[in-house]
Amino acid sequence: MGTPRVPESKPDPGGSGGEYVDIPKTGPLMWVMLAAFLIPPALVAYLGRYVVPIPHQTLWVILLGSPFPLILLSLPRKYALDGRQLQITGLFYRVRVPLAEIEQIEPITTGRALFHPGSMYCADPQKALKLTRKKGRALVISPTDRERFLLLVKGDPS
């Protein structure tokens, strides 16, 4: 009798069924960068209002359009690792990287993580790992627990 038990909203980081799931949080450095994205539209709005007259329609487009990069960069990501592949999932994308295709995994500095072309999958540049795939392609990710993630990729389930 009664209502059925509601499943937990957060997946088990230990992974059930041999799968490791990690949902990183957006780090403080990323929030500072996102706030910095607001400075150029604010300057344009200020200049358009008080210094150089800019049509009010243009100001509205600038002010209403500025949250989109912020939203896209702060969307949650999920890294799921099973025995064969790493799956990176976001709101608008799903990337599957076979573990056999990963040639090297190395920690990289915050500065390199911020400006790397493959860093759109990275939520916290301070915890960044660079995955070098075959043919020189690379992704930058930021699992919550780097050491455990590295052990799981190497095949050590402890």
C-alpha atoms as a PDB file:
ATOM      1  CA  MET A   1       0.000   0.000   0.000  1.00  0.00           C
ATOM      2  CA  GLY A   2       0.977   3.591  -0.237  1.00  0.00           C
ATOM      3  CA  THR A   3       2.869   5.375  -2.925  1.00  0.00           C
ATOM      4  CA  PRO A   4       5.893   3.874  -4.638  1.00  0.00           C
ATOM      5  CA  ARG A   5       9.296   5.119  -3.548  1.00  0.00           C
ATOM      6  CA  VAL A   6      10.575   8.042  -5.628  1.00  0.00           C
ATOM      7  CA  PRO A   7      14.054   7.463  -7.076  1.00  0.00           C
ATOM      8  CA  GLU A   8      16.818   9.744  -5.843  1.00  0.00           C
ATOM      9  CA  SER A   9      17.472  12.807  -7.971  1.00  0.00           C
ATOM     10  CA  LYS A  10      21.254  12.483  -7.673  1.00  0.00           C
ATOM     11  CA  PRO A  11      22.841   9.395  -9.206  1.00  0.00           C
ATOM     12  CA  ASP A  12      25.134   7.264  -7.076  1.00  0.00           C
ATOM     13  CA  PRO A  13      28.720   8.376  -7.766  1.00  0.00           C
ATOM     14  CA  GLY A  14      29.877   4.850  -7.051  1.00  0.00           C
ATOM     15  CA  GLY A  15      27.837   3.836 -10.058  1.00  0.00           C
ATOM     16  CA  SER A  16      25.318   1.077 -10.160  1.00  0.00           C
ATOM     17  CA  GLY A  17      25.634  -1.629 -12.732  1.00  0.00           C
ATOM     18  CA  GLY A  18      29.339  -0.966 -13.340  1.00  0.00           C
ATOM     19  CA  GLU A  19      28.830   2.631 -14.403  1.00  0.00           C
ATOM     20  CA  TYR A  20      30.551   5.651 -12.848  1.00  0.00           C
ATOM     21  CA  VAL A  21      28.514   8.857 -13.067  1.00  0.00           C
ATOM     22  CA  ASP A  22      29.964  12.248 -12.198  1.00  0.00           C
ATOM     23  CA  ILE A  23      28.100  15.557 -12.296  1.00  0.00           C
ATOM     24  CA  PRO A  24      30.639  18.339 -11.748  1.00  0.00           C
ATOM     25  CA  LYS A  25      29.600  21.671 -10.340  1.00  0.00           C
ATOM     26  CA  THR A  26      30.550  24.921 -12.049  1.00  0.00           C
ATOM     27  CA  GLY A  27      33.631  26.208 -10.238  1.00  0.00           C
ATOM     28  CA  PRO A  28      34.173  29.714  -8.833  1.00  0.00           C
ATOM     29  CA  LEU A  29      36.624  30.669 -11.575  1.00  0.00           C
ATOM     30  CA  MET A  30      34.015  29.859 -14.206  1.00  0.00           C
ATOM     31  CA  TRP A  31      31.444  32.036 -12.408  1.00  0.00           C
ATOM     32  CA  VAL A  32      33.908  34.950 -12.445  1.00  0.00           C
ATOM     33  CA  MET A  33      34.400  34.442 -16.190  1.00  0.00           C
ATOM     34  CA  LEU A  34      30.652  34.308 -16.739  1.00  0.00           C
ATOM     35  CA  ALA A  35      30.223  37.560 -14.815  1.00  0.00           C
ATOM     36  CA  ALA A  36      32.966  39.099 -16.979  1.00  0.00           C
ATOM     37  CA  PHE A  37      30.798  38.375 -20.020  1.00  0.00           C
ATOM     38  CA  LEU A  38      28.341  40.941 -18.676  1.00  0.00           C
ATOM     39  CA  ILE A  39      30.875  43.791 -18.717  1.00  0.00           C
ATOM     40  CA  PRO A  40      30.937  44.469 -22.514  1.00  0.00           C
ATOM     41  CA  PRO A  41      27.126  44.685 -22.874  1.00  0.00           C
ATOM     42  CA  ALA A  42      26.963  46.873 -19.777  1.00  0.00           C
ATOM     43  CA  LEU A  43      29.591  49.214 -21.254  1.00  0.00           C
ATOM     44  CA  VAL A  44      27.732  49.388 -24.552  1.00  0.00           C
ATOM     45  CA  ALA A  45      24.486  50.118 -22.723  1.00  0.00           C
ATOM     46  CA  TYR A  46      26.179  52.824 -20.651  1.00  0.00           C
ATOM     47  CA  LEU A  47      27.844  54.395 -23.684  1.00  0.00           C
ATOM     48  CA  GLY A  48      24.611  54.179 -25.661  1.00  0.00           C
ATOM     49  CA  ARG A  49      22.657  55.855 -22.920  1.00  0.00           C
ATOM     50  CA  TYR A  50      25.017  58.650 -21.853  1.00  0.00           C
ATOM     51  CA  VAL A  51      27.890  59.132 -24.340  1.00  0.00           C
ATOM     52  CA  VAL A  52      27.024  58.185 -27.918  1.00  0.00           C
ATOM     53  CA  PRO A  53      23.354  57.859 -28.817  1.00  0.00           C
ATOM     54  CA  ILE A  54      22.518  54.285 -29.833  1.00  0.00           C
ATOM     55  CA  PRO A  55      18.957  53.375 -30.819  1.00  0.00           C
ATOM     56  CA  HIS A  56      17.087  51.800 -27.929  1.00  0.00           C
ATOM     57  CA  GLN A  57      16.264  48.729 -30.053  1.00  0.00           C
ATOM     58  CA  THR A  58      19.981  47.948 -30.340  1.00  0.00           C
ATOM     59  CA  LEU A  59      20.434  48.315 -26.590  1.00  0.00           C
ATOM     60  CA  TRP A  60      17.603  45.863 -25.928  1.00  0.00           C
ATOM     61  CA  VAL A  61      19.119  43.299 -28.312  1.00  0.00           C
ATOM     62  CA  ILE A  62      22.492  43.622 -26.579  1.00  0.00           C
ATOM     63  CA  LEU A  63      21.068  43.379 -23.063  1.00  0.00           C
ATOM     64  CA  LEU A  64      18.668  40.524 -23.820  1.00  0.00           C
ATOM     65  CA  GLY A  65      21.247  38.612 -25.893  1.00  0.00           C
ATOM     66  CA  SER A  66      24.006  38.676 -23.296  1.00  0.00           C
ATOM     67  CA  PRO A  67      22.618  35.905 -21.039  1.00  0.00           C
ATOM     68  CA  PHE A  68      22.830  33.247 -23.779  1.00  0.00           C
ATOM     69  CA  PRO A  69      26.606  32.649 -23.566  1.00  0.00           C
ATOM     70  CA  LEU A  70      26.259  32.642 -19.783  1.00  0.00           C
ATOM     71  CA  ILE A  71      23.530  30.040 -19.887  1.00  0.00           C
ATOM     72  CA  LEU A  72      25.389  27.832 -22.362  1.00  0.00           C
ATOM     73  CA  LEU A  73      28.613  27.895 -20.351  1.00  0.00           C
ATOM     74  CA  SER A  74      26.935  27.200 -17.030  1.00  0.00           C
ATOM     75  CA  LEU A  75      24.723  24.306 -18.148  1.00  0.00           C
ATOM     76  CA  PRO A  76      25.254  21.100 -16.183  1.00  0.00           C
ATOM     77  CA  ARG A  77      27.388  18.338 -17.637  1.00  0.00           C
ATOM     78  CA  LYS A  78      27.493  14.670 -16.760  1.00  0.00           C
ATOM     79  CA  TYR A  79      30.370  12.251 -17.263  1.00  0.00           C
ATOM     80  CA  ALA A  80      29.383   8.585 -17.352  1.00  0.00           C
ATOM     81  CA  LEU A  81      32.070   5.942 -17.563  1.00  0.00           C
ATOM     82  CA  ASP A  82      31.323   2.298 -18.181  1.00  0.00           C
ATOM     83  CA  GLY A  83      33.720  -0.436 -19.229  1.00  0.00           C
ATOM     84  CA  ARG A  84      33.870   0.605 -22.902  1.00  0.00           C
ATOM     85  CA  GLN A  85      33.289   4.339 -23.271  1.00  0.00           C
ATOM     86  CA  LEU A  86      33.171   7.754 -21.673  1.00  0.00           C
ATOM     87  CA  GLN A  87      29.925   9.568 -22.332  1.00  0.00           C
ATOM     88  CA  ILE A  88      29.755  13.335 -21.847  1.00  0.00           C
ATOM     89  CA  THR A  89      26.196  14.614 -21.710  1.00  0.00           C
ATOM     90  CA  GLY A  90      24.927  18.169 -21.621  1.00  0.00           C
ATOM     91  CA  LEU A  91      21.594  19.751 -22.372  1.00  0.00           C
ATOM     92  CA  PHE A  92      22.243  20.065 -26.121  1.00  0.00           C
ATOM     93  CA  TYR A  93      24.916  17.448 -26.765  1.00  0.00           C
ATOM     94  CA  ARG A  94      26.057  13.906 -26.085  1.00  0.00           C
ATOM     95  CA  VAL A  95      29.624  12.871 -26.877  1.00  0.00           C
ATOM     96  CA  ARG A  96      30.771   9.258 -26.707  1.00  0.00           C
ATOM     97  CA  VAL A  97      34.488   8.556 -26.545  1.00  0.00           C
ATOM     98  CA  PRO A  98      35.504   4.882 -26.682  1.00  0.00           C
ATOM     99  CA  LEU A  99      38.134   4.157 -24.037  1.00  0.00           C
ATOM    100  CA  ALA A 100      40.245   2.380 -26.667  1.00  0.00           C
ATOM    101  CA  GLU A 101      40.457   5.685 -28.570  1.00  0.00           C
ATOM    102  CA  ILE A 102      41.952   7.614 -25.618  1.00  0.00           C
ATOM    103  CA  GLU A 103      45.733   7.684 -25.945  1.00  0.00           C
ATOM    104  CA  GLN A 104      46.668   9.941 -23.034  1.00  0.00           C
ATOM    105  CA  ILE A 105      45.065  11.625 -20.035  1.00  0.00           C
ATOM    106  CA  GLU A 106      46.927  14.411 -18.299  1.00  0.00           C
ATOM    107  CA  PRO A 107      46.095  17.180 -15.843  1.00  0.00           C
ATOM    108  CA  ILE A 108      46.498  20.639 -17.361  1.00  0.00           C
ATOM    109  CA  THR A 109      46.813  24.087 -15.862  1.00  0.00           C
ATOM    110  CA  THR A 110      43.862  26.402 -15.387  1.00  0.00           C
ATOM    111  CA  GLY A 111      45.098  28.814 -18.070  1.00  0.00           C
ATOM    112  CA  ARG A 112      45.510  26.085 -20.672  1.00  0.00           C
ATOM    113  CA  ALA A 113      42.086  24.686 -19.785  1.00  0.00           C
ATOM    114  CA  LEU A 114      40.406  28.064 -20.239  1.00  0.00           C
ATOM    115  CA  PHE A 115      41.795  28.651 -23.717  1.00  0.00           C
ATOM    116  CA  HIS A 116      41.834  25.104 -25.099  1.00  0.00           C
ATOM    117  CA  PRO A 117      39.519  24.627 -28.109  1.00  0.00           C
ATOM    118  CA  GLY A 118      38.079  21.414 -26.647  1.00  0.00           C
ATOM    119  CA  SER A 119      37.227  22.874 -23.250  1.00  0.00           C
ATOM    120  CA  MET A 120      33.492  23.311 -23.749  1.00  0.00           C
ATOM    121  CA  TYR A 121      32.992  20.096 -21.757  1.00  0.00           C
ATOM    122  CA  CYS A 122      34.906  21.492 -18.767  1.00  0.00           C
ATOM    123  CA  ALA A 123      32.871  22.872 -15.847  1.00  0.00           C
ATOM    124  CA  ASP A 124      35.785  23.730 -13.555  1.00  0.00           C
ATOM    125  CA  PRO A 125      39.126  24.643 -15.196  1.00  0.00           C
ATOM    126  CA  GLN A 126      40.923  24.183 -11.875  1.00  0.00           C
ATOM    127  CA  LYS A 127      40.201  20.425 -12.037  1.00  0.00           C
ATOM    128  CA  ALA A 128      40.811  20.017 -15.758  1.00  0.00           C
ATOM    129  CA  LEU A 129      42.002  16.838 -17.453  1.00  0.00           C
ATOM    130  CA  LYS A 130      43.022  16.767 -21.102  1.00  0.00           C
ATOM    131  CA  LEU A 131      42.000  13.623 -22.976  1.00  0.00           C
ATOM    132  CA  THR A 132      44.124  13.151 -26.092  1.00  0.00           C
ATOM    133  CA  ARG A 133      42.390  10.913 -28.593  1.00  0.00           C
ATOM    134  CA  LYS A 134      43.680   9.216 -31.686  1.00  0.00           C
ATOM    135  CA  LYS A 135      44.522  11.523 -34.593  1.00  0.00           C
ATOM    136  CA  GLY A 136      45.506  14.264 -32.114  1.00  0.00           C
ATOM    137  CA  ARG A 137      41.978  15.340 -31.192  1.00  0.00           C
ATOM    138  CA  ALA A 138      41.589  16.470 -27.592  1.00  0.00           C
ATOM    139  CA  LEU A 139      38.852  17.168 -25.072  1.00  0.00           C
ATOM    140  CA  VAL A 140      39.104  18.917 -21.737  1.00  0.00           C
ATOM    141  CA  ILE A 141      36.872  17.641 -18.957  1.00  0.00           C
ATOM    142  CA  SER A 142      36.700  18.306 -15.223  1.00  0.00           C
ATOM    143  CA  PRO A 143      35.567  15.330 -13.160  1.00  0.00           C
ATOM    144  CA  THR A 144      34.912  16.029  -9.501  1.00  0.00           C
ATOM    145  CA  ASP A 145      37.423  13.438  -8.263  1.00  0.00           C
ATOM    146  CA  ARG A 146      40.310  13.375 -10.780  1.00  0.00           C
ATOM    147  CA  GLU A 147      42.282  10.594  -9.093  1.00  0.00           C
ATOM    148  CA  ARG A 148      39.332   8.211  -8.942  1.00  0.00           C
ATOM    149  CA  PHE A 149      38.410   9.040 -12.533  1.00  0.00           C
ATOM    150  CA  LEU A 150      41.952   8.244 -13.688  1.00  0.00           C
ATOM    151  CA  LEU A 151      41.906   4.915 -11.823  1.00  0.00           C
ATOM    152  CA  LEU A 152      38.577   3.967 -13.392  1.00  0.00           C
ATOM    153  CA  VAL A 153      39.763   4.819 -16.905  1.00  0.00           C
ATOM    154  CA  LYS A 154      42.845   2.657 -16.380  1.00  0.00           C
ATOM    155  CA  GLY A 155      40.560  -0.198 -15.320  1.00  0.00           C
ATOM    156  CA  ASP A 156      41.223  -0.302 -11.561  1.00  0.00           C
ATOM    157  CA  PRO A 157      37.755  -0.361  -9.921  1.00  0.00           C
ATOM    158  CA  SER A 158      39.002   0.192  -6.346  1.00  0.00           C
END
